[in-house]
Amino acid sequence: MNIGDKVRFLNTTGGGRIAGFQGKDLVLVCDDDGFEIPTLRSEIVVIETDNYNLVRKPVPSKERASTSESDGLSQTSIKAALAAHAAAANTADSGFSTEDSVGDDSEPADKDITFQPRPLERRGADQVNFYIGFLPVDSRSLSQTEFEVYLINDSNLYVRFLLLTQEGEQYSLRHEGLVLPNQKLLLDTIGHSDLPQWERLTFQLLAYKTDKPFALKSPMNITLRVDGTKFYKLHSFAPSDFFNDPALVRPLVSEDRPAQSVSIAAETVEEALITPEVVRQAVERPKQQPARQTDRSAVMDKNAIVEVDLHATALLDSTRGLTPTDILTMQIKAFHDTMRQYAKDKGRRIVFIHGKGEGVLRATLLKELKNHYRHCTHQDASFREYGFGATMVTVR
């Protein structure tokens, strides 16, 4: 018992606070009216203690909860003990153990901040504009540097995405996640050895808002072909609105419209009826042409290298309705047209950019060179300039 403790009488009603002591057995109890009543120590019980005026060494919680051997009383107040007993009874009724019912006694300042401010919106940005960006870590050494891959959400909507890579007819999930409104997400860091795995990407996107009504957006499926040779050319990286340094940025969605897929979707192939006539129409020359054709070999420097991009996107305005065989036919035709154009231009070097892909186009080019252009020599083009995806032919 200590001065200031609140007590009650055992043999009569009432109580008060301890004002002092007289000897070992008498306690002066001050009631609500201010009178000090001498009472035997054995006839009162402490119901609330206030230890603010005591200086004690800190002890572990287990020792604080144990019974004091000096006075035979618990150092935990009766009020706290009754509260703990009631809590234990409640947890027992609900089927949980007392250990599970112990509250979190950590300081609020020590808890993690879970609040996230609402993303800022821009006026007129409720249409989906979504990009993929490649940022070189060291633009001064493109042949050796790594590239940071970003997804850029230039709209007021949340965009949930799946990024798939394709091998043959099978797809593999490479990344999944959420890009917040008007934010860019660092997705990965890749090197030149990883580029073959990034040549053909498929994105599945779902755009929405969480805290307000919005115009419904259709789920989007975009297939993108990434030309690995561009990563070796400095001019491929240009200033943009999204990075401080030059970057290679490709649109995936523009004003709610998915970018035109480079590859042919399976459902498009199934629905299309392909005939040689359709192929001929795809490469039909314009009706209006110059009356005289310019002899390019006469005006070009013979030491200059001729670059011919055989990718489908460079040869055709659209690949819709064409099978892979039809596209390969167009590519081989462009190859033969170029070879015939420079057949008499001895010493001319021609670089055919075919990409790595599955190697079908490259193998076909080598076969055509062997069968029809034995007087020409060929070799892999400069790795620094074109990577693995180009063949250089020299006319002899």
Protein backbone atom coordinates (compact mmCIF):
# COMPACT_ATOMS: atom_id res chain seq x y z
CA MET A 1 0.00 0.00 0.00
CA ASN A 2 1.19 3.47 -0.85
CA ILE A 3 0.05 7.03 -0.24
CA GLY A 4 -2.42 7.96 -2.99
CA ASP A 5 -3.78 4.41 -3.50
CA LYS A 6 -7.54 4.18 -3.72
CA VAL A 7 -9.01 1.71 -1.20
CA ARG A 8 -12.38 0.48 0.04
CA PHE A 9 -13.48 -0.76 3.48
CA LEU A 10 -14.07 -4.47 3.99
CA ASN A 11 -16.44 -4.26 6.99
CA THR A 12 -18.48 -1.23 5.92
CA THR A 13 -19.41 0.73 2.84
CA GLY A 14 -17.25 3.51 1.44
CA GLY A 15 -13.59 4.11 1.05
CA GLY A 16 -11.17 6.77 -0.11
CA ARG A 17 -7.49 7.37 -0.73
CA ILE A 18 -4.57 6.67 1.62
CA ALA A 19 -3.40 9.97 3.15
CA GLY A 20 -0.75 8.51 5.51
CA PHE A 21 0.16 5.84 8.05
CA GLN A 22 0.17 5.65 11.87
CA GLY A 23 2.48 2.93 12.97
CA LYS A 24 2.48 -0.42 11.24
CA ASP A 25 -1.21 -1.28 11.50
CA LEU A 26 -3.17 1.98 11.11
CA VAL A 27 -3.83 3.64 7.79
CA LEU A 28 -5.30 7.14 7.43
CA VAL A 29 -8.01 6.98 4.74
CA CYS A 30 -9.26 10.31 3.38
CA ASP A 31 -12.89 10.01 2.29
CA ASP A 32 -14.75 12.11 -0.29
CA ASP A 33 -15.59 14.74 2.36
CA GLY A 34 -11.95 15.27 3.26
CA PHE A 35 -12.02 13.51 6.66
CA GLU A 36 -9.10 11.24 7.54
CA ILE A 37 -10.37 8.00 9.07
CA PRO A 38 -7.87 5.78 10.96
CA THR A 39 -8.43 2.21 9.79
CA LEU A 40 -6.67 -1.08 10.40
CA ARG A 41 -4.58 -2.22 7.46
CA SER A 42 -6.38 -5.59 7.52
CA GLU A 43 -9.80 -3.92 7.06
CA ILE A 44 -9.10 -2.19 3.73
CA VAL A 45 -8.23 -3.40 0.23
CA VAL A 46 -6.51 -1.50 -2.57
CA ILE A 47 -8.73 -1.10 -5.66
CA GLU A 48 -6.56 1.36 -7.64
CA THR A 49 -2.91 2.26 -7.31
CA ASP A 50 -0.98 5.27 -8.54
CA ASN A 51 2.74 4.67 -8.60
CA TYR A 52 3.70 7.95 -10.24
CA ASN A 53 5.48 9.09 -7.09
CA LEU A 54 7.64 5.97 -6.85
CA VAL A 55 10.98 5.50 -8.59
CA ARG A 56 11.45 1.88 -9.58
CA LYS A 57 13.88 0.07 -11.84
CA PRO A 58 12.28 -1.22 -15.03
CA VAL A 59 11.67 -4.95 -14.88
CA PRO A 60 10.61 -7.43 -17.56
CA SER A 61 6.91 -7.79 -18.16
CA LYS A 62 6.86 -11.31 -16.74
CA GLU A 63 8.36 -10.09 -13.47
CA ARG A 64 5.93 -7.14 -13.34
CA ALA A 65 3.03 -9.53 -13.71
CA SER A 66 4.28 -11.87 -10.95
CA THR A 67 3.21 -11.58 -7.30
CA SER A 68 5.38 -9.48 -5.01
CA GLU A 69 6.96 -11.56 -2.25
CA SER A 70 7.43 -8.54 0.00
CA ASP A 71 3.79 -7.60 0.58
CA GLY A 72 1.99 -10.70 -0.73
CA LEU A 73 -0.05 -8.58 -3.18
CA SER A 74 0.03 -8.43 -6.99
CA GLN A 75 1.67 -5.33 -8.45
CA THR A 76 -1.09 -5.30 -11.09
CA SER A 77 -4.09 -3.24 -9.98
CA ILE A 78 -7.37 -4.95 -9.28
CA LYS A 79 -9.04 -2.90 -12.01
CA ALA A 80 -6.49 -4.13 -14.56
CA ALA A 81 -6.80 -7.68 -13.27
CA LEU A 82 -10.62 -7.55 -13.57
CA ALA A 83 -10.30 -6.20 -17.13
CA ALA A 84 -7.88 -8.97 -18.07
CA HIS A 85 -10.20 -11.55 -16.50
CA ALA A 86 -13.16 -10.20 -18.49
CA ALA A 87 -11.14 -10.26 -21.71
CA ALA A 88 -10.09 -13.84 -21.05
CA ALA A 89 -13.71 -14.82 -20.44
CA ASN A 90 -14.79 -13.18 -23.73
CA THR A 91 -12.11 -14.95 -25.74
CA ALA A 92 -13.00 -18.25 -24.11
CA ASP A 93 -16.64 -17.78 -25.12
CA SER A 94 -15.66 -16.97 -28.70
CA GLY A 95 -13.38 -20.00 -29.04
CA PHE A 96 -10.03 -18.16 -29.19
CA SER A 97 -7.13 -18.60 -26.82
CA THR A 98 -5.99 -15.85 -24.47
CA GLU A 99 -2.69 -15.56 -26.36
CA ASP A 100 -4.56 -14.80 -29.60
CA SER A 101 -6.59 -12.07 -27.89
CA VAL A 102 -3.61 -10.00 -26.75
CA GLY A 103 -3.80 -6.60 -28.45
CA ASP A 104 -1.05 -4.82 -30.33
CA ASP A 105 0.73 -2.69 -27.72
CA SER A 106 3.22 -1.15 -30.18
CA GLU A 107 3.51 2.62 -30.41
CA PRO A 108 1.51 4.24 -33.25
CA ALA A 109 4.64 6.06 -34.42
CA ASP A 110 6.39 2.71 -34.94
CA LYS A 111 3.74 1.33 -37.29
CA ASP A 112 4.21 1.40 -41.07
CA ILE A 113 2.38 4.10 -43.02
CA THR A 114 -0.21 2.39 -45.20
CA PHE A 115 -1.98 5.50 -46.47
CA GLN A 116 -1.57 6.16 -50.18
CA PRO A 117 -2.67 9.46 -51.69
CA ARG A 118 -5.12 9.37 -54.57
CA PRO A 119 -3.28 9.50 -57.93
CA LEU A 120 -3.36 12.89 -59.60
CA GLU A 121 -5.42 13.17 -62.77
CA ARG A 122 -4.84 15.30 -65.83
CA ARG A 123 -7.57 17.03 -67.77
CA GLY A 124 -8.41 15.22 -71.01
CA ALA A 125 -6.42 12.07 -70.12
CA ASP A 126 -9.30 9.60 -69.71
CA GLN A 127 -8.28 7.69 -72.84
CA VAL A 128 -5.69 4.95 -72.55
CA ASN A 129 -2.20 5.81 -73.80
CA PHE A 130 0.25 3.09 -72.91
CA TYR A 131 3.88 2.68 -73.99
CA ILE A 132 6.92 0.46 -73.52
CA GLY A 133 10.27 2.21 -73.21
CA PHE A 134 13.87 0.99 -73.34
CA LEU A 135 16.41 3.25 -71.65
CA PRO A 136 20.15 2.47 -72.08
CA VAL A 137 22.09 2.50 -68.83
CA ASP A 138 25.16 3.82 -70.69
CA SER A 139 24.28 5.37 -74.06
CA ARG A 140 27.99 5.81 -74.86
CA SER A 141 28.49 2.05 -75.11
CA LEU A 142 25.41 0.61 -76.79
CA SER A 143 27.10 -2.65 -77.73
CA GLN A 144 27.78 -3.54 -74.09
CA THR A 145 25.32 -1.64 -71.93
CA GLU A 146 22.16 -2.96 -70.32
CA PHE A 147 18.71 -1.49 -70.93
CA GLU A 148 16.00 -0.61 -68.41
CA VAL A 149 12.54 -1.66 -69.56
CA TYR A 150 9.64 0.59 -68.52
CA LEU A 151 5.88 0.44 -68.92
CA ILE A 152 4.45 3.96 -69.23
CA ASN A 153 0.82 4.73 -68.36
CA ASP A 154 0.04 8.17 -69.78
CA SER A 155 -3.62 8.24 -68.70
CA ASN A 156 -5.91 8.69 -65.67
CA LEU A 157 -6.76 4.98 -65.49
CA TYR A 158 -5.20 2.08 -63.69
CA VAL A 159 -3.78 -0.45 -66.17
CA ARG A 160 -3.38 -4.07 -65.14
CA PHE A 161 -1.14 -6.01 -67.49
CA LEU A 162 0.18 -9.43 -68.42
CA LEU A 163 3.38 -9.65 -70.45
CA LEU A 164 3.79 -12.90 -72.39
CA THR A 165 6.62 -14.25 -74.53
CA GLN A 166 6.06 -16.76 -77.31
CA GLU A 167 7.97 -19.83 -78.37
CA GLY A 168 6.34 -21.48 -81.34
CA GLU A 169 2.67 -21.73 -80.49
CA GLN A 170 3.22 -21.71 -76.72
CA TYR A 171 3.16 -18.63 -74.48
CA SER A 172 4.93 -18.04 -71.17
CA LEU A 173 4.02 -15.45 -68.54
CA ARG A 174 7.02 -13.18 -68.00
CA HIS A 175 5.60 -10.27 -65.96
CA GLU A 176 2.29 -9.22 -64.45
CA GLY A 177 1.26 -6.23 -62.38
CA LEU A 178 -0.43 -2.84 -62.18
CA VAL A 179 0.71 0.54 -63.51
CA LEU A 180 -0.81 3.49 -61.64
CA PRO A 181 -2.32 6.46 -63.48
CA ASN A 182 0.23 8.83 -65.02
CA GLN A 183 3.13 6.72 -63.79
CA LYS A 184 5.88 4.61 -65.35
CA LEU A 185 6.93 1.25 -63.95
CA LEU A 186 10.48 -0.13 -64.10
CA LEU A 187 9.74 -3.62 -65.33
CA ASP A 188 13.12 -5.25 -65.91
CA THR A 189 16.77 -4.70 -66.81
CA ILE A 190 18.01 -6.68 -69.82
CA GLY A 191 21.27 -7.14 -71.69
CA HIS A 192 22.03 -7.89 -75.33
CA SER A 193 21.94 -11.61 -74.62
CA ASP A 194 18.31 -11.22 -73.50
CA LEU A 195 17.14 -9.44 -76.68
CA PRO A 196 16.15 -12.63 -78.57
CA GLN A 197 13.63 -13.36 -75.81
CA TRP A 198 12.15 -9.86 -76.20
CA GLU A 199 11.75 -9.87 -79.98
CA ARG A 200 8.11 -10.89 -79.84
CA LEU A 201 5.98 -9.71 -76.90
CA THR A 202 2.28 -10.07 -76.24
CA PHE A 203 0.51 -7.70 -73.85
CA GLN A 204 -2.95 -8.20 -72.35
CA LEU A 205 -4.26 -4.99 -70.78
CA LEU A 206 -7.27 -4.05 -68.66
CA ALA A 207 -7.89 -0.35 -67.86
CA TYR A 208 -10.23 0.96 -65.14
CA LYS A 209 -10.72 3.41 -62.25
CA THR A 210 -11.17 2.43 -58.63
CA ASP A 211 -12.80 5.40 -56.92
CA LYS A 212 -15.13 6.99 -59.49
CA PRO A 213 -17.24 6.11 -62.53
CA PHE A 214 -15.44 5.79 -65.86
CA ALA A 215 -16.12 4.92 -69.50
CA LEU A 216 -15.79 1.17 -69.98
CA LYS A 217 -12.64 0.10 -71.81
CA SER A 218 -12.44 -3.16 -73.72
CA PRO A 219 -9.69 -5.62 -72.72
CA MET A 220 -6.79 -5.26 -75.14
CA ASN A 221 -4.44 -7.82 -76.66
CA ILE A 222 -1.33 -6.43 -78.40
CA THR A 223 1.52 -8.32 -80.03
CA LEU A 224 4.69 -6.30 -80.49
CA ARG A 225 7.84 -7.18 -82.37
CA VAL A 226 11.00 -5.56 -81.02
CA ASP A 227 13.78 -5.23 -83.59
CA GLY A 228 16.96 -6.18 -81.78
CA THR A 229 19.17 -4.43 -84.32
CA LYS A 230 17.86 -1.04 -83.21
CA PHE A 231 19.56 -1.47 -79.85
CA TYR A 232 22.95 -1.14 -81.54
CA LYS A 233 22.15 2.16 -83.28
CA LEU A 234 22.39 5.43 -81.41
CA HIS A 235 19.76 7.15 -83.59
CA SER A 236 17.16 4.60 -82.43
CA PHE A 237 17.11 6.35 -79.05
CA ALA A 238 15.42 9.73 -79.17
CA PRO A 239 14.16 12.38 -76.70
CA SER A 240 10.67 11.77 -75.33
CA ASP A 241 8.18 13.22 -72.86
CA PHE A 242 8.84 10.40 -70.40
CA PHE A 243 12.62 10.34 -69.86
CA ASN A 244 15.37 12.90 -69.36
CA ASP A 245 17.73 10.84 -71.52
CA PRO A 246 17.15 9.51 -75.07
CA ALA A 247 15.12 6.29 -75.06
CA LEU A 248 13.47 3.87 -77.47
CA VAL A 249 9.73 4.27 -76.86
CA ARG A 250 7.10 2.19 -78.66
CA PRO A 251 3.33 2.81 -78.33
CA LEU A 252 1.15 -0.10 -77.26
CA VAL A 253 -2.16 1.81 -77.00
CA SER A 254 -2.93 5.24 -78.48
CA GLU A 255 -6.19 7.00 -77.57
CA ASP A 256 -7.87 3.71 -76.55
CA ARG A 257 -6.74 2.02 -79.79
CA PRO A 258 -4.25 -0.86 -79.53
CA ALA A 259 -1.19 -0.47 -81.71
CA GLN A 260 -1.28 -2.55 -84.86
CA SER A 261 0.11 -5.96 -84.08
CA VAL A 262 3.14 -6.91 -86.12
CA SER A 263 2.34 -10.62 -85.98
CA ILE A 264 -0.84 -12.17 -87.25
CA ALA A 265 -3.32 -13.21 -84.59
CA ALA A 266 -4.47 -16.82 -84.78
CA GLU A 267 -8.13 -15.87 -85.09
CA THR A 268 -7.32 -13.61 -88.05
CA VAL A 269 -5.61 -16.45 -89.88
CA GLU A 270 -8.57 -18.75 -89.30
CA GLU A 271 -11.04 -16.20 -90.62
CA ALA A 272 -9.02 -15.11 -93.66
CA LEU A 273 -9.15 -16.79 -97.05
CA ILE A 274 -5.70 -16.43 -98.59
CA THR A 275 -5.13 -16.66 -102.36
CA PRO A 276 -2.19 -15.65 -104.58
CA GLU A 277 -4.39 -12.81 -105.86
CA VAL A 278 -4.61 -11.36 -102.34
CA VAL A 279 -0.83 -11.49 -102.09
CA ARG A 280 -0.41 -9.66 -105.40
CA GLN A 281 -2.84 -6.95 -104.30
CA ALA A 282 -0.86 -6.43 -101.10
CA VAL A 283 2.22 -5.29 -103.06
CA GLU A 284 0.46 -3.59 -105.98
CA ARG A 285 2.42 -0.57 -107.15
CA PRO A 286 0.77 2.87 -107.03
CA LYS A 287 -1.03 3.97 -110.17
CA GLN A 288 0.90 7.26 -110.47
CA GLN A 289 4.65 6.74 -111.00
CA PRO A 290 7.45 8.88 -112.45
CA ALA A 291 7.83 8.55 -116.21
CA ARG A 292 11.58 7.93 -115.93
CA GLN A 293 13.09 5.67 -113.31
CA THR A 294 16.19 7.01 -111.60
CA ASP A 295 19.22 4.79 -111.91
CA ARG A 296 20.17 4.53 -108.25
CA SER A 297 23.45 2.77 -109.02
CA ALA A 298 24.57 5.78 -111.05
CA VAL A 299 24.11 8.27 -108.27
CA MET A 300 25.07 6.16 -105.24
CA ASP A 301 28.60 5.83 -104.01
CA LYS A 302 29.77 2.31 -104.80
CA ASN A 303 31.41 2.11 -101.39
CA ALA A 304 28.14 2.86 -99.66
CA ILE A 305 26.35 -0.08 -98.07
CA VAL A 306 22.79 -0.65 -99.20
CA GLU A 307 20.48 -1.60 -96.32
CA VAL A 308 17.32 -3.56 -97.09
CA ASP A 309 14.95 -4.20 -94.20
CA LEU A 310 13.04 -7.42 -94.90
CA HIS A 311 10.79 -7.20 -91.87
CA ALA A 312 7.10 -7.43 -92.73
CA THR A 313 6.38 -4.01 -91.23
CA ALA A 314 8.98 -2.42 -93.54
CA LEU A 315 7.64 -4.08 -96.70
CA LEU A 316 3.88 -4.01 -96.13
CA ASP A 317 1.49 -1.41 -94.80
CA SER A 318 -0.54 -4.16 -93.15
CA THR A 319 -0.15 -7.89 -92.60
CA ARG A 320 -3.82 -8.45 -91.90
CA GLY A 321 -5.15 -11.50 -93.73
CA LEU A 322 -1.70 -12.86 -94.67
CA THR A 323 -0.26 -16.15 -93.51
CA PRO A 324 3.40 -16.51 -92.48
CA THR A 325 4.00 -18.23 -95.85
CA ASP A 326 2.56 -15.24 -97.72
CA ILE A 327 4.78 -12.87 -95.77
CA LEU A 328 7.86 -15.01 -96.45
CA THR A 329 7.00 -14.92 -100.18
CA MET A 330 6.96 -11.11 -100.10
CA GLN A 331 10.29 -11.00 -98.27
CA ILE A 332 12.01 -13.31 -100.77
CA LYS A 333 10.57 -11.29 -103.64
CA ALA A 334 12.08 -8.11 -102.15
CA PHE A 335 15.40 -9.94 -101.83
CA HIS A 336 15.41 -10.99 -105.49
CA ASP A 337 14.36 -7.52 -106.67
CA THR A 338 17.29 -5.99 -104.81
CA MET A 339 19.78 -8.54 -106.13
CA ARG A 340 18.64 -7.97 -109.73
CA GLN A 341 18.87 -4.20 -109.27
CA TYR A 342 22.54 -4.38 -108.24
CA ALA A 343 23.55 -7.45 -110.27
CA LYS A 344 25.96 -5.44 -112.50
CA ASP A 345 27.26 -3.21 -109.72
CA LYS A 346 30.41 -5.14 -108.85
CA GLY A 347 31.77 -4.52 -105.39
CA ARG A 348 28.40 -3.38 -104.10
CA ARG A 349 27.71 -4.50 -100.51
CA ILE A 350 24.10 -5.13 -99.56
CA VAL A 351 22.94 -5.77 -96.00
CA PHE A 352 19.66 -7.69 -95.72
CA ILE A 353 18.12 -7.15 -92.26
CA HIS A 354 16.06 -10.23 -91.48
CA GLY A 355 16.13 -10.43 -87.68
CA LYS A 356 16.94 -13.47 -85.64
CA GLY A 357 13.49 -14.86 -84.93
CA GLU A 358 13.22 -18.59 -85.67
CA GLY A 359 15.80 -18.39 -88.48
CA VAL A 360 13.41 -19.31 -91.30
CA LEU A 361 13.99 -16.16 -93.37
CA ARG A 362 17.78 -16.30 -92.97
CA ALA A 363 17.91 -19.95 -93.98
CA THR A 364 15.80 -19.20 -97.05
CA LEU A 365 18.07 -16.30 -98.07
CA LEU A 366 21.19 -18.47 -97.83
CA LYS A 367 19.51 -21.13 -99.93
CA GLU A 368 18.56 -18.58 -102.62
CA LEU A 369 22.09 -17.18 -102.65
CA LYS A 370 23.54 -20.64 -103.13
CA ASN A 371 21.13 -21.55 -105.94
CA HIS A 372 20.93 -18.28 -107.91
CA TYR A 373 23.81 -15.98 -106.93
CA ARG A 374 26.90 -18.12 -106.67
CA HIS A 375 29.03 -15.29 -108.01
CA CYS A 376 28.24 -13.30 -104.87
CA THR A 377 29.81 -13.76 -101.46
CA HIS A 378 27.99 -13.41 -98.17
CA GLN A 379 28.74 -13.20 -94.47
CA ASP A 380 27.12 -12.10 -91.22
CA ALA A 381 26.80 -8.32 -91.10
CA SER A 382 28.51 -6.25 -88.40
CA PHE A 383 27.42 -7.47 -85.01
CA ARG A 384 27.97 -3.99 -83.55
CA GLU A 385 25.57 -2.44 -86.06
CA TYR A 386 23.01 -5.18 -86.64
CA GLY A 387 23.41 -7.80 -83.94
CA PHE A 388 22.65 -11.34 -85.07
CA GLY A 389 19.87 -10.39 -87.44
CA ALA A 390 21.52 -9.36 -90.74
CA THR A 391 23.47 -10.86 -93.67
CA MET A 392 25.82 -8.86 -95.90
CA VAL A 393 26.09 -9.84 -99.59
CA THR A 394 28.91 -8.59 -101.84
CA VAL A 395 28.30 -8.53 -105.60
CA ARG A 396 31.22 -10.00 -107.59
